[in-house]
Amino acid sequence: MAVVTVRNLPDETHRAIKVRAAHHGRSTEAEIRAILDEAVRPADRVKVGSALAALRAKFGGVDLDVTRDPAPTEAAKFE
């Protein structure tokens, strides 16, 4: 896991993060991780899988008949 050092953080900002962390019942470091995670991965982002499922629902999708061939397969020959 990566380690990040933030230099020249104003004292006022650090105090505000400490207060916010206490309000949420977590450490200052955990609060900073939560802030960064929320900033780069917002809850309202569109996820590819969800978008594809919505598209399938919109157009009805396709039902495929997938049946396996019961015949045995032949081994590959490397000659």
C-alpha atoms as a PDB file:
ATOM      1  CA  MET A   1       0.000   0.000   0.000  1.00  0.00           C
ATOM      2  CA  ALA A   2       1.284   3.470  -0.846  1.00  0.00           C
ATOM      3  CA  VAL A   3       2.417   6.026   1.703  1.00  0.00           C
ATOM      4  CA  VAL A   4       1.879   9.737   1.054  1.00  0.00           C
ATOM      5  CA  THR A   5       3.469  12.665   2.905  1.00  0.00           C
ATOM      6  CA  VAL A   6       1.743  16.033   2.757  1.00  0.00           C
ATOM      7  CA  ARG A   7       4.103  18.935   3.359  1.00  0.00           C
ATOM      8  CA  ASN A   8       3.261  22.516   4.308  1.00  0.00           C
ATOM      9  CA  LEU A   9      -0.253  21.707   5.505  1.00  0.00           C
ATOM     10  CA  PRO A  10      -1.563  24.800   7.286  1.00  0.00           C
ATOM     11  CA  ASP A  11      -2.142  24.385  11.038  1.00  0.00           C
ATOM     12  CA  GLU A  12      -5.733  25.552  10.594  1.00  0.00           C
ATOM     13  CA  THR A  13      -6.394  22.774   8.056  1.00  0.00           C
ATOM     14  CA  HIS A  14      -4.813  20.168  10.318  1.00  0.00           C
ATOM     15  CA  ARG A  15      -6.957  21.294  13.263  1.00  0.00           C
ATOM     16  CA  ALA A  16     -10.091  21.186  11.095  1.00  0.00           C
ATOM     17  CA  ILE A  17      -9.288  17.630  10.004  1.00  0.00           C
ATOM     18  CA  LYS A  18      -8.703  16.590  13.625  1.00  0.00           C
ATOM     19  CA  VAL A  19     -12.096  18.039  14.613  1.00  0.00           C
ATOM     20  CA  ARG A  20     -13.791  16.344  11.680  1.00  0.00           C
ATOM     21  CA  ALA A  21     -12.112  13.038  12.572  1.00  0.00           C
ATOM     22  CA  ALA A  22     -13.301  13.295  16.174  1.00  0.00           C
ATOM     23  CA  HIS A  23     -16.818  14.049  14.943  1.00  0.00           C
ATOM     24  CA  HIS A  24     -16.739  10.863  12.834  1.00  0.00           C
ATOM     25  CA  GLY A  25     -15.115   8.818  15.604  1.00  0.00           C
ATOM     26  CA  ARG A  26     -11.913   7.947  13.764  1.00  0.00           C
ATOM     27  CA  SER A  27      -8.250   8.901  13.765  1.00  0.00           C
ATOM     28  CA  THR A  28      -6.924  11.883  11.859  1.00  0.00           C
ATOM     29  CA  GLU A  29      -5.136   9.537   9.453  1.00  0.00           C
ATOM     30  CA  ALA A  30      -8.330   7.538   8.848  1.00  0.00           C
ATOM     31  CA  GLU A  31     -10.214  10.781   8.250  1.00  0.00           C
ATOM     32  CA  ILE A  32      -7.659  11.915   5.673  1.00  0.00           C
ATOM     33  CA  ARG A  33      -7.980   8.553   3.901  1.00  0.00           C
ATOM     34  CA  ALA A  34     -11.774   8.936   3.875  1.00  0.00           C
ATOM     35  CA  ILE A  35     -11.539  12.477   2.489  1.00  0.00           C
ATOM     36  CA  LEU A  36      -9.173  11.406  -0.286  1.00  0.00           C
ATOM     37  CA  ASP A  37     -11.226   8.320  -1.121  1.00  0.00           C
ATOM     38  CA  GLU A  38     -14.416  10.371  -1.343  1.00  0.00           C
ATOM     39  CA  ALA A  39     -12.695  12.978  -3.522  1.00  0.00           C
ATOM     40  CA  VAL A  40     -11.417  10.545  -6.135  1.00  0.00           C
ATOM     41  CA  ARG A  41     -14.202   7.949  -5.972  1.00  0.00           C
ATOM     42  CA  PRO A  42     -17.485   9.775  -5.278  1.00  0.00           C
ATOM     43  CA  ALA A  43     -20.523   7.691  -4.341  1.00  0.00           C
ATOM     44  CA  ASP A  44     -22.537   9.044  -7.293  1.00  0.00           C
ATOM     45  CA  ARG A  45     -20.013   7.910  -9.917  1.00  0.00           C
ATOM     46  CA  VAL A  46     -21.310   5.674 -12.676  1.00  0.00           C
ATOM     47  CA  LYS A  47     -19.837   2.202 -12.487  1.00  0.00           C
ATOM     48  CA  VAL A  48     -19.374   0.328 -15.769  1.00  0.00           C
ATOM     49  CA  GLY A  49     -21.170  -2.815 -14.596  1.00  0.00           C
ATOM     50  CA  SER A  50     -24.155  -0.829 -13.374  1.00  0.00           C
ATOM     51  CA  ALA A  51     -24.297   1.140 -16.625  1.00  0.00           C
ATOM     52  CA  LEU A  52     -24.221  -2.048 -18.692  1.00  0.00           C
ATOM     53  CA  ALA A  53     -26.941  -3.660 -16.553  1.00  0.00           C
ATOM     54  CA  ALA A  54     -29.131  -0.569 -16.981  1.00  0.00           C
ATOM     55  CA  LEU A  55     -28.563  -0.639 -20.746  1.00  0.00           C
ATOM     56  CA  ARG A  56     -29.510  -4.323 -20.874  1.00  0.00           C
ATOM     57  CA  ALA A  57     -32.659  -3.636 -18.852  1.00  0.00           C
ATOM     58  CA  LYS A  58     -33.578  -0.775 -21.198  1.00  0.00           C
ATOM     59  CA  PHE A  59     -33.342  -2.896 -24.344  1.00  0.00           C
ATOM     60  CA  GLY A  60     -34.452  -6.218 -22.914  1.00  0.00           C
ATOM     61  CA  GLY A  61     -31.246  -8.140 -23.513  1.00  0.00           C
ATOM     62  CA  VAL A  62     -30.862 -11.427 -25.346  1.00  0.00           C
ATOM     63  CA  ASP A  63     -31.426 -14.935 -24.030  1.00  0.00           C
ATOM     64  CA  LEU A  64     -28.831 -17.329 -25.349  1.00  0.00           C
ATOM     65  CA  ASP A  65     -29.198 -21.091 -25.391  1.00  0.00           C
ATOM     66  CA  VAL A  66     -25.794 -22.191 -24.176  1.00  0.00           C
ATOM     67  CA  THR A  67     -25.460 -25.957 -24.128  1.00  0.00           C
ATOM     68  CA  ARG A  68     -22.190 -27.804 -23.783  1.00  0.00           C
ATOM     69  CA  ASP A  69     -21.124 -30.349 -26.352  1.00  0.00           C
ATOM     70  CA  PRO A  70     -20.803 -33.616 -24.370  1.00  0.00           C
ATOM     71  CA  ALA A  71     -18.245 -35.053 -26.803  1.00  0.00           C
ATOM     72  CA  PRO A  72     -14.741 -35.358 -25.357  1.00  0.00           C
ATOM     73  CA  THR A  73     -12.167 -32.902 -26.605  1.00  0.00           C
ATOM     74  CA  GLU A  74      -8.909 -33.922 -28.234  1.00  0.00           C
ATOM     75  CA  ALA A  75      -5.608 -33.005 -26.644  1.00  0.00           C
ATOM     76  CA  ALA A  76      -3.470 -30.440 -28.431  1.00  0.00           C
ATOM     77  CA  LYS A  77      -0.592 -31.822 -30.525  1.00  0.00           C
ATOM     78  CA  PHE A  78       2.668 -29.931 -30.469  1.00  0.00           C
ATOM     79  CA  GLU A  79       4.743 -31.410 -33.279  1.00  0.00           C
END
